[in-house]
């Protein structure tokens, strides 16, 4: 959970949502593994030395829910297009600042 939370800036709404989803699985006795993002397209909307804004179309693929009873492949997400903001922290790592649905 810490590794996922570390992908986002402190107090990121998107980060809190992702962590809350994984905690909900844990409360049901499941651990989610193998999550991969499948990126279909990416376009740079804006960039500066420490900030980027990207238009990304992707989906979550290959996630598995694991319990003491075994494992089950979770359904793939449908593709979604989002605007993703990134910032480079003082430690040199890039983190997600915002994720919002792209306007159609």
PDB file of N, CA and C in Angstrom:
ATOM      1  N   UNK A   1       0.821  -1.182   0.000  1.00  0.00           N
ATOM      2  CA  UNK A   1       0.000   0.000   0.000  1.00  0.00           C
ATOM      3  C   UNK A   1       0.872   1.255   0.000  1.00  0.00           C
ATOM      4  N   UNK A   2       1.974   1.192   0.730  1.00  0.00           N
ATOM      5  CA  UNK A   2       2.872   2.354   0.795  1.00  0.00           C
ATOM      6  C   UNK A   2       3.435   2.689  -0.584  1.00  0.00           C
ATOM      7  N   UNK A   3       3.800   1.652  -1.343  1.00  0.00           N
ATOM      8  CA  UNK A   3       4.361   1.895  -2.683  1.00  0.00           C
ATOM      9  C   UNK A   3       3.350   2.600  -3.576  1.00  0.00           C
ATOM     10  N   UNK A   4       2.081   2.205  -3.488  1.00  0.00           N
ATOM     11  CA  UNK A   4       1.056   2.868  -4.288  1.00  0.00           C
ATOM     12  C   UNK A   4       0.883   4.308  -3.832  1.00  0.00           C
ATOM     13  N   UNK A   5       0.780   4.515  -2.539  1.00  0.00           N
ATOM     14  CA  UNK A   5       0.604   5.875  -2.012  1.00  0.00           C
ATOM     15  C   UNK A   5       1.773   6.770  -2.399  1.00  0.00           C
ATOM     16  N   UNK A   6       2.973   6.215  -2.519  1.00  0.00           N
ATOM     17  CA  UNK A   6       4.166   6.994  -2.848  1.00  0.00           C
ATOM     18  C   UNK A   6       4.194   7.440  -4.311  1.00  0.00           C
ATOM     19  N   UNK A   7       3.288   6.915  -5.131  1.00  0.00           N
ATOM     20  CA  UNK A   7       3.198   7.354  -6.527  1.00  0.00           C
ATOM     21  C   UNK A   7       2.545   8.730  -6.646  1.00  0.00           C
ATOM     22  N   UNK A   8       1.870   9.149  -5.594  1.00  0.00           N
ATOM     23  CA  UNK A   8       1.090  10.389  -5.609  1.00  0.00           C
ATOM     24  C   UNK A   8       1.687  11.412  -4.652  1.00  0.00           C
ATOM     25  N   UNK A   9       1.417  12.696  -4.916  1.00  0.00           N
ATOM     26  CA  UNK A   9       1.802  13.728  -3.956  1.00  0.00           C
ATOM     27  C   UNK A   9       0.950  13.553  -2.701  1.00  0.00           C
ATOM     28  N   UNK A  10       1.428  14.074  -1.589  1.00  0.00           N
ATOM     29  CA  UNK A  10       0.705  14.000  -0.316  1.00  0.00           C
ATOM     30  C   UNK A  10      -0.682  14.617  -0.464  1.00  0.00           C
ATOM     31  N   UNK A  11      -1.682  13.944   0.028  1.00  0.00           N
ATOM     32  CA  UNK A  11      -3.088  14.396   0.019  1.00  0.00           C
ATOM     33  C   UNK A  11      -3.730  14.416  -1.369  1.00  0.00           C
ATOM     34  N   UNK A  12      -3.183  13.681  -2.301  1.00  0.00           N
ATOM     35  CA  UNK A  12      -3.765  13.596  -3.641  1.00  0.00           C
ATOM     36  C   UNK A  12      -5.109  12.875  -3.580  1.00  0.00           C
ATOM     37  N   UNK A  13      -6.133  13.463  -4.175  1.00  0.00           N
ATOM     38  CA  UNK A  13      -7.452  12.832  -4.216  1.00  0.00           C
ATOM     39  C   UNK A  13      -7.388  11.499  -4.957  1.00  0.00           C
ATOM     40  N   UNK A  14      -6.705  11.471  -6.084  1.00  0.00           N
ATOM     41  CA  UNK A  14      -6.579  10.226  -6.859  1.00  0.00           C
ATOM     42  C   UNK A  14      -5.856   9.159  -6.049  1.00  0.00           C
ATOM     43  N   UNK A  15      -4.813   9.543  -5.360  1.00  0.00           N
ATOM     44  CA  UNK A  15      -4.068   8.589  -4.541  1.00  0.00           C
ATOM     45  C   UNK A  15      -4.917   8.030  -3.413  1.00  0.00           C
ATOM     46  N   UNK A  16      -5.666   8.890  -2.754  1.00  0.00           N
ATOM     47  CA  UNK A  16      -6.542   8.422  -1.662  1.00  0.00           C
ATOM     48  C   UNK A  16      -7.577   7.431  -2.197  1.00  0.00           C
ATOM     49  N   UNK A  17      -8.111   7.711  -3.387  1.00  0.00           N
ATOM     50  CA  UNK A  17      -9.103   6.806  -3.972  1.00  0.00           C
ATOM     51  C   UNK A  17      -8.524   5.442  -4.291  1.00  0.00           C
ATOM     52  N   UNK A  18      -7.337   5.414  -4.869  1.00  0.00           N
ATOM     53  CA  UNK A  18      -6.698   4.134  -5.210  1.00  0.00           C
ATOM     54  C   UNK A  18      -6.359   3.328  -3.962  1.00  0.00           C
ATOM     55  N   UNK A  19      -5.824   3.998  -2.945  1.00  0.00           N
ATOM     56  CA  UNK A  19      -5.478   3.312  -1.694  1.00  0.00           C
ATOM     57  C   UNK A  19      -6.752   2.794  -1.016  1.00  0.00           C
ATOM     58  N   UNK A  20      -7.821   3.582  -1.016  1.00  0.00           N
ATOM     59  CA  UNK A  20      -9.086   3.158  -0.404  1.00  0.00           C
ATOM     60  C   UNK A  20      -9.630   1.910  -1.099  1.00  0.00           C
ATOM     61  N   UNK A  21      -9.510   1.855  -2.423  1.00  0.00           N
ATOM     62  CA  UNK A  21      -9.985   0.683  -3.157  1.00  0.00           C
ATOM     63  C   UNK A  21      -9.224  -0.570  -2.740  1.00  0.00           C
ATOM     64  N   UNK A  22      -7.909  -0.481  -2.630  1.00  0.00           N
ATOM     65  CA  UNK A  22      -7.112  -1.648  -2.229  1.00  0.00           C
ATOM     66  C   UNK A  22      -7.394  -2.032  -0.775  1.00  0.00           C
ATOM     67  N   UNK A  23      -7.615  -1.048   0.090  1.00  0.00           N
ATOM     68  CA  UNK A  23      -7.958  -1.354   1.483  1.00  0.00           C
ATOM     69  C   UNK A  23      -9.294  -2.079   1.573  1.00  0.00           C
ATOM     70  N   UNK A  24     -10.236  -1.744   0.694  1.00  0.00           N
ATOM     71  CA  UNK A  24     -11.533  -2.433   0.671  1.00  0.00           C
ATOM     72  C   UNK A  24     -11.346  -3.912   0.336  1.00  0.00           C
ATOM     73  N   UNK A  25     -10.459  -4.213  -0.597  1.00  0.00           N
ATOM     74  CA  UNK A  25     -10.148  -5.612  -0.896  1.00  0.00           C
ATOM     75  C   UNK A  25      -9.536  -6.290   0.329  1.00  0.00           C
ATOM     76  N   UNK A  26      -8.613  -5.608   1.019  1.00  0.00           N
ATOM     77  CA  UNK A  26      -7.986  -6.189   2.212  1.00  0.00           C
ATOM     78  C   UNK A  26      -9.004  -6.505   3.292  1.00  0.00           C
ATOM     79  N   UNK A  27      -9.980  -5.620   3.476  1.00  0.00           N
ATOM     80  CA  UNK A  27     -11.020  -5.858   4.483  1.00  0.00           C
ATOM     81  C   UNK A  27     -11.818  -7.123   4.164  1.00  0.00           C
ATOM     82  N   UNK A  28     -11.889  -7.495   2.899  1.00  0.00           N
ATOM     83  CA  UNK A  28     -12.588  -8.724   2.500  1.00  0.00           C
ATOM     84  C   UNK A  28     -11.650  -9.930   2.479  1.00  0.00           C
ATOM     85  N   UNK A  29     -10.426  -9.741   2.956  1.00  0.00           N
ATOM     86  CA  UNK A  29      -9.476 -10.847   3.012  1.00  0.00           C
ATOM     87  C   UNK A  29      -8.757 -11.116   1.701  1.00  0.00           C
ATOM     88  N   UNK A  30      -8.733 -10.128   0.815  1.00  0.00           N
ATOM     89  CA  UNK A  30      -8.099 -10.280  -0.493  1.00  0.00           C
ATOM     90  C   UNK A  30      -6.926  -9.320  -0.644  1.00  0.00           C
ATOM     91  N   UNK A  31      -5.914  -9.783  -1.341  1.00  0.00           N
ATOM     92  CA  UNK A  31      -4.770  -8.937  -1.673  1.00  0.00           C
ATOM     93  C   UNK A  31      -4.690  -8.884  -3.188  1.00  0.00           C
ATOM     94  N   UNK A  32      -4.595  -7.673  -3.737  1.00  0.00           N
ATOM     95  CA  UNK A  32      -4.544  -7.515  -5.192  1.00  0.00           C
ATOM     96  C   UNK A  32      -3.081  -7.468  -5.633  1.00  0.00           C
ATOM     97  N   UNK A  33      -2.751  -8.302  -6.612  1.00  0.00           N
ATOM     98  CA  UNK A  33      -1.378  -8.372  -7.117  1.00  0.00           C
ATOM     99  C   UNK A  33      -1.388  -8.258  -8.638  1.00  0.00           C
ATOM    100  N   UNK A  34      -0.217  -8.035  -9.197  1.00  0.00           N
ATOM    101  CA  UNK A  34      -0.034  -8.094 -10.638  1.00  0.00           C
ATOM    102  C   UNK A  34      -0.668  -6.976 -11.434  1.00  0.00           C
ATOM    103  N   UNK A  35      -1.042  -5.883 -10.777  1.00  0.00           N
ATOM    104  CA  UNK A  35      -1.693  -4.795 -11.505  1.00  0.00           C
ATOM    105  C   UNK A  35      -0.727  -4.174 -12.501  1.00  0.00           C
ATOM    106  N   UNK A  36      -1.205  -3.994 -13.720  1.00  0.00           N
ATOM    107  CA  UNK A  36      -0.426  -3.360 -14.776  1.00  0.00           C
ATOM    108  C   UNK A  36      -1.333  -2.404 -15.524  1.00  0.00           C
ATOM    109  N   UNK A  37      -0.797  -1.280 -15.913  1.00  0.00           N
ATOM    110  CA  UNK A  37      -1.543  -0.350 -16.745  1.00  0.00           C
ATOM    111  C   UNK A  37      -1.150  -0.602 -18.199  1.00  0.00           C
ATOM    112  N   UNK A  38      -2.145  -0.740 -19.033  1.00  0.00           N
ATOM    113  CA  UNK A  38      -1.934  -0.905 -20.466  1.00  0.00           C
ATOM    114  C   UNK A  38      -2.211   0.458 -21.102  1.00  0.00           C
ATOM    115  N   UNK A  39      -1.180   1.096 -21.623  1.00  0.00           N
ATOM    116  CA  UNK A  39      -1.297   2.439 -22.195  1.00  0.00           C
ATOM    117  C   UNK A  39      -1.535   2.323 -23.700  1.00  0.00           C
ATOM    118  N   UNK A  40      -2.619   2.940 -24.155  1.00  0.00           N
ATOM    119  CA  UNK A  40      -2.956   2.937 -25.579  1.00  0.00           C
ATOM    120  C   UNK A  40      -2.440   4.187 -26.280  1.00  0.00           C
ATOM    121  N   UNK A  41      -2.490   5.318 -25.580  1.00  0.00           N
ATOM    122  CA  UNK A  41      -1.953   6.546 -26.172  1.00  0.00           C
ATOM    123  C   UNK A  41      -1.556   7.510 -25.065  1.00  0.00           C
ATOM    124  N   UNK A  42      -0.611   8.386 -25.407  1.00  0.00           N
ATOM    125  CA  UNK A  42      -0.123   9.389 -24.469  1.00  0.00           C
ATOM    126  C   UNK A  42       0.278  10.610 -25.278  1.00  0.00           C
ATOM    127  N   UNK A  43      -0.179  11.772 -24.834  1.00  0.00           N
ATOM    128  CA  UNK A  43       0.194  13.020 -25.506  1.00  0.00           C
ATOM    129  C   UNK A  43       0.560  14.045 -24.442  1.00  0.00           C
ATOM    130  N   UNK A  44       1.668  14.739 -24.652  1.00  0.00           N
ATOM    131  CA  UNK A  44       2.095  15.795 -23.735  1.00  0.00           C
ATOM    132  C   UNK A  44       1.262  17.042 -24.025  1.00  0.00           C
ATOM    133  N   UNK A  45       0.554  17.523 -23.009  1.00  0.00           N
ATOM    134  CA  UNK A  45      -0.234  18.744 -23.138  1.00  0.00           C
ATOM    135  C   UNK A  45       0.570  19.968 -22.728  1.00  0.00           C
ATOM    136  N   UNK A  46       1.439  19.784 -21.731  1.00  0.00           N
ATOM    137  CA  UNK A  46       2.265  20.881 -21.230  1.00  0.00           C
ATOM    138  C   UNK A  46       3.447  20.286 -20.476  1.00  0.00           C
ATOM    139  N   UNK A  47       4.600  20.939 -20.585  1.00  0.00           N
ATOM    140  CA  UNK A  47       5.727  20.484 -19.767  1.00  0.00           C
ATOM    141  C   UNK A  47       6.591  21.669 -19.382  1.00  0.00           C
ATOM    142  N   UNK A  48       7.167  21.525 -18.224  1.00  0.00           N
ATOM    143  CA  UNK A  48       8.125  22.467 -17.661  1.00  0.00           C
ATOM    144  C   UNK A  48       9.159  21.606 -16.939  1.00  0.00           C
ATOM    145  N   UNK A  49      10.253  22.187 -16.473  1.00  0.00           N
ATOM    146  CA  UNK A  49      11.296  21.359 -15.850  1.00  0.00           C
ATOM    147  C   UNK A  49      10.804  20.453 -14.718  1.00  0.00           C
ATOM    148  N   UNK A  50       9.835  20.908 -13.916  1.00  0.00           N
ATOM    149  CA  UNK A  50       9.393  20.107 -12.779  1.00  0.00           C
ATOM    150  C   UNK A  50       7.912  19.716 -12.844  1.00  0.00           C
ATOM    151  N   UNK A  51       7.238  20.012 -13.940  1.00  0.00           N
ATOM    152  CA  UNK A  51       5.802  19.705 -14.075  1.00  0.00           C
ATOM    153  C   UNK A  51       5.483  19.249 -15.496  1.00  0.00           C
ATOM    154  N   UNK A  52       4.614  18.259 -15.558  1.00  0.00           N
ATOM    155  CA  UNK A  52       4.101  17.777 -16.841  1.00  0.00           C
ATOM    156  C   UNK A  52       2.596  17.594 -16.715  1.00  0.00           C
ATOM    157  N   UNK A  53       1.886  17.808 -17.821  1.00  0.00           N
ATOM    158  CA  UNK A  53       0.464  17.473 -17.906  1.00  0.00           C
ATOM    159  C   UNK A  53       0.300  16.617 -19.158  1.00  0.00           C
ATOM    160  N   UNK A  54      -0.270  15.428 -18.974  1.00  0.00           N
ATOM    161  CA  UNK A  54      -0.362  14.437 -20.037  1.00  0.00           C
ATOM    162  C   UNK A  54      -1.808  14.052 -20.306  1.00  0.00           C
ATOM    163  N   UNK A  55      -2.118  13.739 -21.548  1.00  0.00           N
ATOM    164  CA  UNK A  55      -3.396  13.153 -21.922  1.00  0.00           C
ATOM    165  C   UNK A  55      -3.121  11.670 -22.160  1.00  0.00           C
ATOM    166  N   UNK A  56      -3.725  10.812 -21.342  1.00  0.00           N
ATOM    167  CA  UNK A  56      -3.409   9.387 -21.360  1.00  0.00           C
ATOM    168  C   UNK A  56      -4.683   8.571 -21.564  1.00  0.00           C
ATOM    169  N   UNK A  57      -4.627   7.630 -22.497  1.00  0.00           N
ATOM    170  CA  UNK A  57      -5.697   6.643 -22.635  1.00  0.00           C
ATOM    171  C   UNK A  57      -5.101   5.305 -22.230  1.00  0.00           C
ATOM    172  N   UNK A  58      -5.697   4.698 -21.182  1.00  0.00           N
ATOM    173  CA  UNK A  58      -5.158   3.454 -20.648  1.00  0.00           C
ATOM    174  C   UNK A  58      -6.258   2.636 -19.997  1.00  0.00           C
ATOM    175  N   UNK A  59      -5.865   1.486 -19.491  1.00  0.00           N
ATOM    176  CA  UNK A  59      -6.776   0.658 -18.705  1.00  0.00           C
ATOM    177  C   UNK A  59      -5.953  -0.208 -17.764  1.00  0.00           C
ATOM    178  N   UNK A  60      -6.600  -0.628 -16.685  1.00  0.00           N
ATOM    179  CA  UNK A  60      -5.983  -1.557 -15.748  1.00  0.00           C
ATOM    180  C   UNK A  60      -6.140  -2.959 -16.310  1.00  0.00           C
ATOM    181  N   UNK A  61      -5.047  -3.697 -16.350  1.00  0.00           N
ATOM    182  CA  UNK A  61      -5.077  -5.055 -16.899  1.00  0.00           C
ATOM    183  C   UNK A  61      -4.311  -5.999 -15.983  1.00  0.00           C
ATOM    184  N   UNK A  62      -4.682  -7.244 -16.000  1.00  0.00           N
ATOM    185  CA  UNK A  62      -3.965  -8.343 -15.338  1.00  0.00           C
ATOM    186  C   UNK A  62      -3.935  -8.280 -13.820  1.00  0.00           C
ATOM    187  N   UNK A  63      -4.883  -7.680 -13.161  1.00  0.00           N
ATOM    188  CA  UNK A  63      -4.908  -7.687 -11.700  1.00  0.00           C
ATOM    189  C   UNK A  63      -5.487  -9.013 -11.212  1.00  0.00           C
ATOM    190  N   UNK A  64      -4.944  -9.507 -10.103  1.00  0.00           N
ATOM    191  CA  UNK A  64      -5.377 -10.771  -9.520  1.00  0.00           C
ATOM    192  C   UNK A  64      -5.706 -10.538  -8.047  1.00  0.00           C
ATOM    193  N   UNK A  65      -6.857 -11.047  -7.593  1.00  0.00           N
ATOM    194  CA  UNK A  65      -7.226 -11.003  -6.177  1.00  0.00           C
ATOM    195  C   UNK A  65      -6.829 -12.338  -5.563  1.00  0.00           C
ATOM    196  N   UNK A  66      -6.023 -12.283  -4.499  1.00  0.00           N
ATOM    197  CA  UNK A  66      -5.484 -13.488  -3.875  1.00  0.00           C
ATOM    198  C   UNK A  66      -6.015 -13.595  -2.449  1.00  0.00           C
ATOM    199  N   UNK A  67      -6.460 -14.800  -2.081  1.00  0.00           N
ATOM    200  CA  UNK A  67      -6.896 -15.072  -0.708  1.00  0.00           C
ATOM    201  C   UNK A  67      -6.325 -16.419  -0.295  1.00  0.00           C
ATOM    202  N   UNK A  68      -6.596 -16.838   0.938  1.00  0.00           N
ATOM    203  CA  UNK A  68      -6.137 -18.143   1.405  1.00  0.00           C
ATOM    204  C   UNK A  68      -6.765 -19.266   0.582  1.00  0.00           C
ATOM    205  N   UNK A  69      -7.944 -19.010   0.012  1.00  0.00           N
ATOM    206  CA  UNK A  69      -8.647 -20.030  -0.774  1.00  0.00           C
ATOM    207  C   UNK A  69      -8.154 -20.134  -2.212  1.00  0.00           C
ATOM    208  N   UNK A  70      -7.369 -19.181  -2.659  1.00  0.00           N
ATOM    209  CA  UNK A  70      -6.873 -19.216  -4.031  1.00  0.00           C
ATOM    210  C   UNK A  70      -6.845 -17.828  -4.639  1.00  0.00           C
ATOM    211  N   UNK A  71      -6.857 -17.774  -5.958  1.00  0.00           N
ATOM    212  CA  UNK A  71      -6.779 -16.480  -6.633  1.00  0.00           C
ATOM    213  C   UNK A  71      -7.772 -16.441  -7.788  1.00  0.00           C
ATOM    214  N   UNK A  72      -8.123 -15.216  -8.148  1.00  0.00           N
ATOM    215  CA  UNK A  72      -9.046 -15.009  -9.264  1.00  0.00           C
ATOM    216  C   UNK A  72      -8.587 -13.800 -10.059  1.00  0.00           C
ATOM    217  N   UNK A  73      -8.594 -13.934 -11.365  1.00  0.00           N
ATOM    218  CA  UNK A  73      -8.235 -12.833 -12.256  1.00  0.00           C
ATOM    219  C   UNK A  73      -9.372 -11.822 -12.235  1.00  0.00           C
ATOM    220  N   UNK A  74      -9.063 -10.576 -11.919  1.00  0.00           N
ATOM    221  CA  UNK A  74     -10.087  -9.536 -11.886  1.00  0.00           C
ATOM    222  C   UNK A  74     -10.378  -9.064 -13.306  1.00  0.00           C
ATOM    223  N   UNK A  75     -11.606  -8.613 -13.558  1.00  0.00           N
ATOM    224  CA  UNK A  75     -11.936  -8.131 -14.905  1.00  0.00           C
ATOM    225  C   UNK A  75     -11.079  -6.932 -15.287  1.00  0.00           C
ATOM    226  N   UNK A  76     -10.774  -6.833 -16.563  1.00  0.00           N
ATOM    227  CA  UNK A  76     -10.031  -5.667 -17.056  1.00  0.00           C
ATOM    228  C   UNK A  76     -10.956  -4.463 -17.073  1.00  0.00           C
ATOM    229  N   UNK A  77     -10.376  -3.311 -16.822  1.00  0.00           N
ATOM    230  CA  UNK A  77     -11.110  -2.057 -16.983  1.00  0.00           C
ATOM    231  C   UNK A  77     -11.317  -1.797 -18.461  1.00  0.00           C
ATOM    232  N   UNK A  78     -12.305  -0.977 -18.769  1.00  0.00           N
ATOM    233  CA  UNK A  78     -12.409  -0.447 -20.118  1.00  0.00           C
ATOM    234  C   UNK A  78     -11.406   0.687 -20.260  1.00  0.00           C
ATOM    235  N   UNK A  79     -11.017   0.993 -21.461  1.00  0.00           N
ATOM    236  CA  UNK A  79     -10.076   2.089 -21.689  1.00  0.00           C
ATOM    237  C   UNK A  79     -10.725   3.410 -21.279  1.00  0.00           C
ATOM    238  N   UNK A  80      -9.940   4.280 -20.673  1.00  0.00           N
ATOM    239  CA  UNK A  80     -10.412   5.601 -20.260  1.00  0.00           C
ATOM    240  C   UNK A  80      -9.347   6.624 -20.616  1.00  0.00           C
ATOM    241  N   UNK A  81      -9.788   7.826 -20.938  1.00  0.00           N
ATOM    242  CA  UNK A  81      -8.861   8.909 -21.260  1.00  0.00           C
ATOM    243  C   UNK A  81      -8.912   9.929 -20.136  1.00  0.00           C
ATOM    244  N   UNK A  82      -7.729  10.251 -19.622  1.00  0.00           N
ATOM    245  CA  UNK A  82      -7.611  11.145 -18.471  1.00  0.00           C
ATOM    246  C   UNK A  82      -6.495  12.154 -18.704  1.00  0.00           C
ATOM    247  N   UNK A  83      -6.598  13.266 -18.004  1.00  0.00           N
ATOM    248  CA  UNK A  83      -5.506  14.234 -17.950  1.00  0.00           C
ATOM    249  C   UNK A  83      -4.781  13.976 -16.628  1.00  0.00           C
ATOM    250  N   UNK A  84      -3.484  13.712 -16.716  1.00  0.00           N
ATOM    251  CA  UNK A  84      -2.675  13.369 -15.553  1.00  0.00           C
ATOM    252  C   UNK A  84      -1.623  14.451 -15.345  1.00  0.00           C
ATOM    253  N   UNK A  85      -1.569  14.986 -14.135  1.00  0.00           N
ATOM    254  CA  UNK A  85      -0.549  15.960 -13.778  1.00  0.00           C
ATOM    255  C   UNK A  85       0.564  15.288 -12.992  1.00  0.00           C
ATOM    256  N   UNK A  86       1.797  15.628 -13.307  1.00  0.00           N
ATOM    257  CA  UNK A  86       2.973  15.092 -12.607  1.00  0.00           C
ATOM    258  C   UNK A  86       3.831  16.238 -12.114  1.00  0.00           C
ATOM    259  N   UNK A  87       4.484  16.031 -10.982  1.00  0.00           N
ATOM    260  CA  UNK A  87       5.427  17.009 -10.459  1.00  0.00           C
ATOM    261  C   UNK A  87       6.668  16.255  -9.971  1.00  0.00           C
ATOM    262  N   UNK A  88       7.812  16.889 -10.156  1.00  0.00           N
ATOM    263  CA  UNK A  88       9.069  16.290  -9.676  1.00  0.00           C
ATOM    264  C   UNK A  88       9.360  16.839  -8.290  1.00  0.00           C
ATOM    265  N   UNK A  89       9.454  15.946  -7.324  1.00  0.00           N
ATOM    266  CA  UNK A  89       9.684  16.342  -5.936  1.00  0.00           C
ATOM    267  C   UNK A  89      11.135  16.685  -5.662  1.00  0.00           C
ATOM    268  N   UNK A  90      11.368  17.197  -4.467  1.00  0.00           N
ATOM    269  CA  UNK A  90      12.727  17.557  -4.038  1.00  0.00           C
ATOM    270  C   UNK A  90      13.647  16.331  -4.034  1.00  0.00           C
ATOM    271  N   UNK A  91      13.061  15.132  -3.896  1.00  0.00           N
ATOM    272  CA  UNK A  91      13.856  13.901  -3.907  1.00  0.00           C
ATOM    273  C   UNK A  91      14.158  13.417  -5.324  1.00  0.00           C
ATOM    274  N   UNK A  92      13.681  14.171  -6.350  1.00  0.00           N
ATOM    275  CA  UNK A  92      13.942  13.821  -7.734  1.00  0.00           C
ATOM    276  C   UNK A  92      12.934  12.859  -8.343  1.00  0.00           C
ATOM    277  N   UNK A  93      11.985  12.367  -7.537  1.00  0.00           N
ATOM    278  CA  UNK A  93      10.994  11.409  -8.038  1.00  0.00           C
ATOM    279  C   UNK A  93       9.775  12.131  -8.598  1.00  0.00           C
ATOM    280  N   UNK A  94       9.231  11.579  -9.676  1.00  0.00           N
ATOM    281  CA  UNK A  94       8.004  12.105 -10.262  1.00  0.00           C
ATOM    282  C   UNK A  94       6.810  11.498  -9.549  1.00  0.00           C
ATOM    283  N   UNK A  95       5.832  12.342  -9.222  1.00  0.00           N
ATOM    284  CA  UNK A  95       4.616  11.881  -8.553  1.00  0.00           C
ATOM    285  C   UNK A  95       3.390  12.489  -9.220  1.00  0.00           C
ATOM    286  N   UNK A  96       2.291  11.766  -9.124  1.00  0.00           N
ATOM    287  CA  UNK A  96       1.028  12.208  -9.693  1.00  0.00           C
ATOM    288  C   UNK A  96       0.414  13.270  -8.782  1.00  0.00           C
ATOM    289  N   UNK A  97       0.032  14.390  -9.383  1.00  0.00           N
ATOM    290  CA  UNK A  97      -0.643  15.452  -8.616  1.00  0.00           C
ATOM    291  C   UNK A  97      -2.141  15.387  -8.811  1.00  0.00           C
ATOM    292  N   UNK A  98      -2.578  15.172 -10.045  1.00  0.00           N
ATOM    293  CA  UNK A  98      -4.006  15.142 -10.348  1.00  0.00           C
ATOM    294  C   UNK A  98      -4.299  14.116 -11.432  1.00  0.00           C
ATOM    295  N   UNK A  99      -5.505  13.586 -11.371  1.00  0.00           N
ATOM    296  CA  UNK A  99      -6.027  12.719 -12.426  1.00  0.00           C
ATOM    297  C   UNK A  99      -7.483  13.132 -12.600  1.00  0.00           C
ATOM    298  N   UNK A 100      -7.836  13.506 -13.806  1.00  0.00           N
ATOM    299  CA  UNK A 100      -9.243  13.868 -14.055  1.00  0.00           C
ATOM    300  C   UNK A 100      -9.644  13.360 -15.434  1.00  0.00           C
ATOM    301  N   UNK A 101     -10.922  13.123 -15.571  1.00  0.00           N
ATOM    302  CA  UNK A 101     -11.442  12.662 -16.865  1.00  0.00           C
ATOM    303  C   UNK A 101     -11.190  13.732 -17.906  1.00  0.00           C
ATOM    304  N   UNK A 102     -10.808  13.305 -19.100  1.00  0.00           N
ATOM    305  CA  UNK A 102     -10.584  14.248 -20.191  1.00  0.00           C
ATOM    306  C   UNK A 102     -11.937  14.725 -20.718  1.00  0.00           C
ATOM    307  N   UNK A 103     -12.003  15.965 -21.102  1.00  0.00           N
ATOM    308  CA  UNK A 103     -13.218  16.492 -21.723  1.00  0.00           C
ATOM    309  C   UNK A 103     -13.366  15.915 -23.109  1.00  0.00           C
ATOM    310  N   UNK A 104     -14.546  15.627 -23.461  1.00  0.00           N
ATOM    311  CA  UNK A 104     -14.806  15.047 -24.796  1.00  0.00           C
ATOM    312  C   UNK A 104     -15.116  16.124 -25.786  1.00  0.00           C
TER     313      UNK A 104
END
